[in-house]
């Protein structure tokens, strides 16, 4: 056990990783290619892989609203998300934020969502966000330049979803998504829910239900990838 304690040790590792990002050139977040100043944190090939038109998808659990994804969870997309969430490559957040902004503009141009939209990051446990040095989905939403409201989180009592079936995930999240009613009062505009990966659709479904019960109009959901 660290002399700093588990929490302090995690925070120390996060701050060290953040400092290293500023001081040293890093490899491409998506494929590990050598860093080049003209490309930045994603090489040209990985940038191209991330440029995608949002596609309407379906999931095993009804998401209750139109659900769009930017691509299948695999290859460059998968590795980028893993490096962001598990290896603290937060230097890629602005790049993914730009991708989300372009996707939202595309959906608005098609008339699929309202011109005035507010992004709501999908819920996570506060403890999980702390372990990652912050909520990465919320950080990407902020980097998009689109208005963002963080009004939902998952109760700490909810089980981890890894290994659960679609039905188990649905039951696990039933009643576990909490809405910050004080923040709701300041919400203007309709909502587009944002998450990193759509798997069974249970998280999106539970979140849409919780927001709807709170009187919030959810126009759709957009994920960076789907499995």
C-alpha atoms as a PDB file:
ATOM      1  CA  UNK A   1       0.000   0.000   0.000  1.00  0.00           C
ATOM      2  CA  UNK A   2       1.300   3.478  -0.827  1.00  0.00           C
ATOM      3  CA  UNK A   3       2.365   5.701   2.056  1.00  0.00           C
ATOM      4  CA  UNK A   4       0.081   8.346   0.569  1.00  0.00           C
ATOM      5  CA  UNK A   5      -2.968   6.090   0.730  1.00  0.00           C
ATOM      6  CA  UNK A   6      -4.886   4.760  -2.258  1.00  0.00           C
ATOM      7  CA  UNK A   7      -6.632   8.018  -3.144  1.00  0.00           C
ATOM      8  CA  UNK A   8      -3.565  10.234  -2.769  1.00  0.00           C
ATOM      9  CA  UNK A   9      -1.513   7.729  -4.752  1.00  0.00           C
ATOM     10  CA  UNK A  10      -3.998   7.840  -7.644  1.00  0.00           C
ATOM     11  CA  UNK A  11      -4.023  11.635  -7.565  1.00  0.00           C
ATOM     12  CA  UNK A  12      -0.222  11.722  -7.561  1.00  0.00           C
ATOM     13  CA  UNK A  13      -0.038   9.401 -10.574  1.00  0.00           C
ATOM     14  CA  UNK A  14      -2.583  11.544 -12.413  1.00  0.00           C
ATOM     15  CA  UNK A  15      -0.655  14.769 -11.766  1.00  0.00           C
ATOM     16  CA  UNK A  16       2.626  13.164 -12.805  1.00  0.00           C
ATOM     17  CA  UNK A  17       1.023  11.917 -16.038  1.00  0.00           C
ATOM     18  CA  UNK A  18      -0.412  15.378 -16.726  1.00  0.00           C
ATOM     19  CA  UNK A  19       2.990  16.998 -16.166  1.00  0.00           C
ATOM     20  CA  UNK A  20       4.695  14.509 -18.485  1.00  0.00           C
ATOM     21  CA  UNK A  21       2.169  15.330 -21.221  1.00  0.00           C
ATOM     22  CA  UNK A  22       3.246  18.968 -21.056  1.00  0.00           C
ATOM     23  CA  UNK A  23       6.984  18.340 -20.877  1.00  0.00           C
ATOM     24  CA  UNK A  24       7.574  15.456 -23.257  1.00  0.00           C
ATOM     25  CA  UNK A  25       6.379  14.683 -26.814  1.00  0.00           C
ATOM     26  CA  UNK A  26       3.966  11.773 -26.756  1.00  0.00           C
ATOM     27  CA  UNK A  27       3.184   9.053 -29.242  1.00  0.00           C
ATOM     28  CA  UNK A  28      -0.064   9.046 -31.239  1.00  0.00           C
ATOM     29  CA  UNK A  29      -2.927   8.231 -28.880  1.00  0.00           C
ATOM     30  CA  UNK A  30      -4.625   6.052 -31.477  1.00  0.00           C
ATOM     31  CA  UNK A  31      -1.836   3.895 -32.890  1.00  0.00           C
ATOM     32  CA  UNK A  32       1.386   4.668 -31.026  1.00  0.00           C
ATOM     33  CA  UNK A  33       3.147   6.256 -34.010  1.00  0.00           C
ATOM     34  CA  UNK A  34       5.894   8.751 -33.244  1.00  0.00           C
ATOM     35  CA  UNK A  35       4.712  12.234 -32.302  1.00  0.00           C
ATOM     36  CA  UNK A  36       4.990  14.932 -34.967  1.00  0.00           C
ATOM     37  CA  UNK A  37       4.235  18.604 -34.220  1.00  0.00           C
ATOM     38  CA  UNK A  38       2.205  19.077 -37.406  1.00  0.00           C
ATOM     39  CA  UNK A  39      -0.200  16.253 -36.507  1.00  0.00           C
ATOM     40  CA  UNK A  40      -0.351  16.578 -32.734  1.00  0.00           C
ATOM     41  CA  UNK A  41      -1.687  13.826 -30.475  1.00  0.00           C
ATOM     42  CA  UNK A  42      -3.367  11.927 -33.339  1.00  0.00           C
ATOM     43  CA  UNK A  43      -1.439  11.075 -36.508  1.00  0.00           C
ATOM     44  CA  UNK A  44      -3.019  11.838 -39.892  1.00  0.00           C
ATOM     45  CA  UNK A  45      -4.320   8.299 -40.329  1.00  0.00           C
ATOM     46  CA  UNK A  46      -5.924   8.253 -36.881  1.00  0.00           C
ATOM     47  CA  UNK A  47      -7.442  11.676 -37.450  1.00  0.00           C
ATOM     48  CA  UNK A  48      -9.036  10.296 -40.598  1.00  0.00           C
ATOM     49  CA  UNK A  49     -10.335   7.268 -38.702  1.00  0.00           C
ATOM     50  CA  UNK A  50     -12.036   9.557 -36.207  1.00  0.00           C
ATOM     51  CA  UNK A  51     -13.697  11.661 -38.918  1.00  0.00           C
ATOM     52  CA  UNK A  52     -17.040   9.958 -39.325  1.00  0.00           C
ATOM     53  CA  UNK A  53     -20.636  10.881 -40.041  1.00  0.00           C
ATOM     54  CA  UNK A  54     -22.872   9.923 -37.096  1.00  0.00           C
ATOM     55  CA  UNK A  55     -24.992   6.883 -37.889  1.00  0.00           C
ATOM     56  CA  UNK A  56     -28.302   5.920 -36.295  1.00  0.00           C
ATOM     57  CA  UNK A  57     -27.929   2.654 -34.364  1.00  0.00           C
ATOM     58  CA  UNK A  58     -30.111   0.326 -32.311  1.00  0.00           C
ATOM     59  CA  UNK A  59     -29.244  -1.423 -29.057  1.00  0.00           C
ATOM     60  CA  UNK A  60     -30.596  -4.416 -27.162  1.00  0.00           C
ATOM     61  CA  UNK A  61     -32.152  -2.121 -24.569  1.00  0.00           C
ATOM     62  CA  UNK A  62     -34.424   0.522 -26.108  1.00  0.00           C
ATOM     63  CA  UNK A  63     -32.592   3.875 -25.713  1.00  0.00           C
ATOM     64  CA  UNK A  64     -35.987   5.655 -25.786  1.00  0.00           C
ATOM     65  CA  UNK A  65     -34.580   8.404 -28.054  1.00  0.00           C
ATOM     66  CA  UNK A  66     -32.741   8.460 -31.395  1.00  0.00           C
ATOM     67  CA  UNK A  67     -29.215   7.151 -30.827  1.00  0.00           C
ATOM     68  CA  UNK A  68     -26.264   7.970 -33.084  1.00  0.00           C
ATOM     69  CA  UNK A  69     -22.728   6.599 -33.015  1.00  0.00           C
ATOM     70  CA  UNK A  70     -19.524   7.835 -34.651  1.00  0.00           C
ATOM     71  CA  UNK A  71     -18.273   4.328 -35.408  1.00  0.00           C
ATOM     72  CA  UNK A  72     -17.693   0.757 -34.324  1.00  0.00           C
ATOM     73  CA  UNK A  73     -15.571   0.247 -31.207  1.00  0.00           C
ATOM     74  CA  UNK A  74     -12.406  -1.178 -32.692  1.00  0.00           C
ATOM     75  CA  UNK A  75      -8.928  -0.347 -33.934  1.00  0.00           C
ATOM     76  CA  UNK A  76      -7.924   3.288 -33.596  1.00  0.00           C
ATOM     77  CA  UNK A  77     -11.201   4.363 -32.005  1.00  0.00           C
ATOM     78  CA  UNK A  78     -11.003   1.698 -29.303  1.00  0.00           C
ATOM     79  CA  UNK A  79      -7.336   2.344 -28.536  1.00  0.00           C
ATOM     80  CA  UNK A  80      -7.888   6.087 -28.303  1.00  0.00           C
ATOM     81  CA  UNK A  81     -10.713   5.646 -25.795  1.00  0.00           C
ATOM     82  CA  UNK A  82      -8.699   3.152 -23.725  1.00  0.00           C
ATOM     83  CA  UNK A  83      -5.690   5.467 -23.633  1.00  0.00           C
ATOM     84  CA  UNK A  84      -7.861   8.402 -22.628  1.00  0.00           C
ATOM     85  CA  UNK A  85      -9.763   6.599 -19.878  1.00  0.00           C
ATOM     86  CA  UNK A  86      -7.202   4.161 -18.510  1.00  0.00           C
ATOM     87  CA  UNK A  87      -3.821   5.728 -19.319  1.00  0.00           C
ATOM     88  CA  UNK A  88      -4.625   9.392 -18.644  1.00  0.00           C
ATOM     89  CA  UNK A  89      -4.010  10.589 -22.223  1.00  0.00           C
ATOM     90  CA  UNK A  90      -6.136  13.652 -21.614  1.00  0.00           C
ATOM     91  CA  UNK A  91      -4.169  15.511 -24.279  1.00  0.00           C
ATOM     92  CA  UNK A  92      -6.545  13.944 -26.828  1.00  0.00           C
ATOM     93  CA  UNK A  93      -9.629  15.548 -25.262  1.00  0.00           C
ATOM     94  CA  UNK A  94      -9.620  18.647 -27.545  1.00  0.00           C
ATOM     95  CA  UNK A  95      -9.415  16.425 -30.641  1.00  0.00           C
ATOM     96  CA  UNK A  96     -12.402  14.299 -29.600  1.00  0.00           C
ATOM     97  CA  UNK A  97     -14.240  17.457 -28.569  1.00  0.00           C
ATOM     98  CA  UNK A  98     -13.813  18.794 -32.109  1.00  0.00           C
ATOM     99  CA  UNK A  99     -15.174  15.517 -33.507  1.00  0.00           C
ATOM    100  CA  UNK A 100     -18.237  15.771 -31.254  1.00  0.00           C
ATOM    101  CA  UNK A 101     -18.784  19.401 -32.302  1.00  0.00           C
ATOM    102  CA  UNK A 102     -18.685  18.423 -35.986  1.00  0.00           C
ATOM    103  CA  UNK A 103     -21.122  15.559 -35.392  1.00  0.00           C
ATOM    104  CA  UNK A 104     -23.570  17.824 -33.569  1.00  0.00           C
ATOM    105  CA  UNK A 105     -23.367  20.401 -36.384  1.00  0.00           C
ATOM    106  CA  UNK A 106     -24.093  17.637 -38.897  1.00  0.00           C
ATOM    107  CA  UNK A 107     -27.178  16.461 -36.988  1.00  0.00           C
ATOM    108  CA  UNK A 108     -28.392  20.045 -36.649  1.00  0.00           C
ATOM    109  CA  UNK A 109     -27.932  20.686 -40.372  1.00  0.00           C
ATOM    110  CA  UNK A 110     -30.034  17.610 -41.137  1.00  0.00           C
ATOM    111  CA  UNK A 111     -32.745  18.754 -38.747  1.00  0.00           C
ATOM    112  CA  UNK A 112     -32.291  15.687 -36.533  1.00  0.00           C
ATOM    113  CA  UNK A 113     -31.732  17.808 -33.422  1.00  0.00           C
ATOM    114  CA  UNK A 114     -32.582  21.371 -32.445  1.00  0.00           C
ATOM    115  CA  UNK A 115     -30.393  24.355 -33.388  1.00  0.00           C
ATOM    116  CA  UNK A 116     -30.189  25.252 -29.695  1.00  0.00           C
ATOM    117  CA  UNK A 117     -28.961  22.168 -27.877  1.00  0.00           C
ATOM    118  CA  UNK A 118     -27.303  21.484 -24.534  1.00  0.00           C
ATOM    119  CA  UNK A 119     -24.945  18.544 -24.092  1.00  0.00           C
ATOM    120  CA  UNK A 120     -25.439  16.362 -21.029  1.00  0.00           C
ATOM    121  CA  UNK A 121     -22.584  13.940 -20.279  1.00  0.00           C
ATOM    122  CA  UNK A 122     -23.771  10.426 -19.465  1.00  0.00           C
ATOM    123  CA  UNK A 123     -23.700   9.583 -15.766  1.00  0.00           C
ATOM    124  CA  UNK A 124     -20.785   7.959 -14.015  1.00  0.00           C
ATOM    125  CA  UNK A 125     -20.040   7.160 -10.402  1.00  0.00           C
ATOM    126  CA  UNK A 126     -18.246  10.042  -8.681  1.00  0.00           C
ATOM    127  CA  UNK A 127     -15.619   7.571  -7.435  1.00  0.00           C
ATOM    128  CA  UNK A 128     -14.954   6.310 -10.980  1.00  0.00           C
ATOM    129  CA  UNK A 129     -14.506   9.873 -12.223  1.00  0.00           C
ATOM    130  CA  UNK A 130     -12.046  10.615  -9.418  1.00  0.00           C
ATOM    131  CA  UNK A 131     -10.026   7.502 -10.240  1.00  0.00           C
ATOM    132  CA  UNK A 132      -9.616   8.763 -13.816  1.00  0.00           C
ATOM    133  CA  UNK A 133      -8.623  12.253 -12.789  1.00  0.00           C
ATOM    134  CA  UNK A 134     -12.040  13.618 -13.747  1.00  0.00           C
ATOM    135  CA  UNK A 135     -15.049  12.761 -15.898  1.00  0.00           C
ATOM    136  CA  UNK A 136     -13.570  12.321 -19.388  1.00  0.00           C
ATOM    137  CA  UNK A 137     -16.947  12.442 -21.155  1.00  0.00           C
ATOM    138  CA  UNK A 138     -17.746  15.743 -19.448  1.00  0.00           C
ATOM    139  CA  UNK A 139     -14.287  17.059 -20.369  1.00  0.00           C
ATOM    140  CA  UNK A 140     -14.821  16.177 -24.037  1.00  0.00           C
ATOM    141  CA  UNK A 141     -18.226  17.874 -23.982  1.00  0.00           C
ATOM    142  CA  UNK A 142     -16.635  21.023 -22.559  1.00  0.00           C
ATOM    143  CA  UNK A 143     -13.931  20.882 -25.250  1.00  0.00           C
ATOM    144  CA  UNK A 144     -16.595  20.823 -27.985  1.00  0.00           C
ATOM    145  CA  UNK A 145     -17.469  24.461 -27.336  1.00  0.00           C
ATOM    146  CA  UNK A 146     -21.181  23.588 -27.131  1.00  0.00           C
ATOM    147  CA  UNK A 147     -23.145  24.476 -23.966  1.00  0.00           C
ATOM    148  CA  UNK A 148     -22.828  21.693 -21.381  1.00  0.00           C
ATOM    149  CA  UNK A 149     -24.755  20.887 -18.231  1.00  0.00           C
ATOM    150  CA  UNK A 150     -23.571  18.168 -15.855  1.00  0.00           C
ATOM    151  CA  UNK A 151     -26.787  17.160 -14.137  1.00  0.00           C
ATOM    152  CA  UNK A 152     -26.669  13.363 -13.811  1.00  0.00           C
ATOM    153  CA  UNK A 153     -24.542  10.836 -11.952  1.00  0.00           C
ATOM    154  CA  UNK A 154     -24.755   7.162 -11.069  1.00  0.00           C
ATOM    155  CA  UNK A 155     -25.304   6.100  -7.476  1.00  0.00           C
ATOM    156  CA  UNK A 156     -22.281   4.488  -5.830  1.00  0.00           C
ATOM    157  CA  UNK A 157     -24.469   1.494  -4.962  1.00  0.00           C
ATOM    158  CA  UNK A 158     -24.762   0.477  -8.634  1.00  0.00           C
ATOM    159  CA  UNK A 159     -22.616  -2.489  -9.665  1.00  0.00           C
ATOM    160  CA  UNK A 160     -19.896  -2.230 -12.305  1.00  0.00           C
ATOM    161  CA  UNK A 161     -21.442  -3.055 -15.679  1.00  0.00           C
ATOM    162  CA  UNK A 162     -18.547  -5.134 -17.028  1.00  0.00           C
ATOM    163  CA  UNK A 163     -19.668  -8.741 -17.410  1.00  0.00           C
ATOM    164  CA  UNK A 164     -23.374  -8.010 -16.965  1.00  0.00           C
ATOM    165  CA  UNK A 165     -25.939  -8.988 -19.581  1.00  0.00           C
ATOM    166  CA  UNK A 166     -28.236  -6.422 -21.181  1.00  0.00           C
ATOM    167  CA  UNK A 167     -31.077  -7.320 -18.802  1.00  0.00           C
ATOM    168  CA  UNK A 168     -28.745  -7.269 -15.798  1.00  0.00           C
ATOM    169  CA  UNK A 169     -27.427  -3.852 -16.800  1.00  0.00           C
ATOM    170  CA  UNK A 170     -30.953  -2.529 -17.168  1.00  0.00           C
ATOM    171  CA  UNK A 171     -31.952  -3.770 -13.709  1.00  0.00           C
ATOM    172  CA  UNK A 172     -28.662  -2.558 -12.215  1.00  0.00           C
ATOM    173  CA  UNK A 173     -29.265   1.009 -13.399  1.00  0.00           C
ATOM    174  CA  UNK A 174     -32.974   1.092 -12.613  1.00  0.00           C
ATOM    175  CA  UNK A 175     -33.327   3.950 -10.152  1.00  0.00           C
ATOM    176  CA  UNK A 176     -29.537   4.407  -9.958  1.00  0.00           C
ATOM    177  CA  UNK A 177     -29.292   7.473 -12.222  1.00  0.00           C
ATOM    178  CA  UNK A 178     -29.635  10.591 -10.104  1.00  0.00           C
ATOM    179  CA  UNK A 179     -30.594  14.020 -11.467  1.00  0.00           C
ATOM    180  CA  UNK A 180     -29.349  17.234  -9.860  1.00  0.00           C
ATOM    181  CA  UNK A 181     -32.652  19.072  -9.598  1.00  0.00           C
ATOM    182  CA  UNK A 182     -30.964  22.344  -8.576  1.00  0.00           C
ATOM    183  CA  UNK A 183     -28.972  22.333 -11.815  1.00  0.00           C
ATOM    184  CA  UNK A 184     -32.104  21.494 -13.813  1.00  0.00           C
ATOM    185  CA  UNK A 185     -33.566  24.886 -12.896  1.00  0.00           C
ATOM    186  CA  UNK A 186     -30.793  26.594 -14.855  1.00  0.00           C
ATOM    187  CA  UNK A 187     -31.143  24.374 -17.915  1.00  0.00           C
ATOM    188  CA  UNK A 188     -32.167  26.159 -21.101  1.00  0.00           C
ATOM    189  CA  UNK A 189     -32.734  24.343 -24.368  1.00  0.00           C
ATOM    190  CA  UNK A 190     -33.248  20.723 -25.241  1.00  0.00           C
ATOM    191  CA  UNK A 191     -30.756  18.015 -24.363  1.00  0.00           C
ATOM    192  CA  UNK A 192     -28.438  15.771 -26.358  1.00  0.00           C
ATOM    193  CA  UNK A 193     -26.982  13.012 -24.197  1.00  0.00           C
ATOM    194  CA  UNK A 194     -23.288  12.220 -24.818  1.00  0.00           C
ATOM    195  CA  UNK A 195     -21.460   9.004 -23.888  1.00  0.00           C
ATOM    196  CA  UNK A 196     -18.225   7.328 -24.911  1.00  0.00           C
ATOM    197  CA  UNK A 197     -19.461   3.860 -25.898  1.00  0.00           C
ATOM    198  CA  UNK A 198     -22.917   2.380 -26.482  1.00  0.00           C
ATOM    199  CA  UNK A 199     -23.046  -1.331 -25.680  1.00  0.00           C
ATOM    200  CA  UNK A 200     -26.429  -2.605 -24.536  1.00  0.00           C
ATOM    201  CA  UNK A 201     -28.067   0.824 -24.384  1.00  0.00           C
ATOM    202  CA  UNK A 202     -28.931   0.372 -20.701  1.00  0.00           C
ATOM    203  CA  UNK A 203     -27.107   3.500 -19.508  1.00  0.00           C
ATOM    204  CA  UNK A 204     -28.675   5.720 -22.142  1.00  0.00           C
ATOM    205  CA  UNK A 205     -32.136   4.279 -21.533  1.00  0.00           C
ATOM    206  CA  UNK A 206     -31.933   4.749 -17.755  1.00  0.00           C
ATOM    207  CA  UNK A 207     -30.581   8.275 -18.154  1.00  0.00           C
ATOM    208  CA  UNK A 208     -33.245   9.324 -20.637  1.00  0.00           C
ATOM    209  CA  UNK A 209     -35.923   7.958 -18.312  1.00  0.00           C
ATOM    210  CA  UNK A 210     -34.505   9.841 -15.322  1.00  0.00           C
ATOM    211  CA  UNK A 211     -34.205  13.104 -17.262  1.00  0.00           C
ATOM    212  CA  UNK A 212     -37.695  12.755 -18.725  1.00  0.00           C
ATOM    213  CA  UNK A 213     -39.147  12.175 -15.256  1.00  0.00           C
ATOM    214  CA  UNK A 214     -37.402  15.394 -14.200  1.00  0.00           C
ATOM    215  CA  UNK A 215     -39.234  17.254 -16.968  1.00  0.00           C
ATOM    216  CA  UNK A 216     -36.283  17.526 -19.349  1.00  0.00           C
ATOM    217  CA  UNK A 217     -36.749  17.022 -23.085  1.00  0.00           C
ATOM    218  CA  UNK A 218     -34.056  14.707 -24.448  1.00  0.00           C
ATOM    219  CA  UNK A 219     -33.793  14.940 -28.246  1.00  0.00           C
ATOM    220  CA  UNK A 220     -31.289  12.133 -28.722  1.00  0.00           C
ATOM    221  CA  UNK A 221     -28.007  10.575 -27.700  1.00  0.00           C
ATOM    222  CA  UNK A 222     -24.606  10.548 -29.390  1.00  0.00           C
ATOM    223  CA  UNK A 223     -21.733   8.184 -28.578  1.00  0.00           C
ATOM    224  CA  UNK A 224     -18.142   8.170 -29.765  1.00  0.00           C
ATOM    225  CA  UNK A 225     -18.423   4.458 -30.565  1.00  0.00           C
ATOM    226  CA  UNK A 226     -20.669   1.409 -30.265  1.00  0.00           C
ATOM    227  CA  UNK A 227     -19.905  -2.231 -29.523  1.00  0.00           C
END
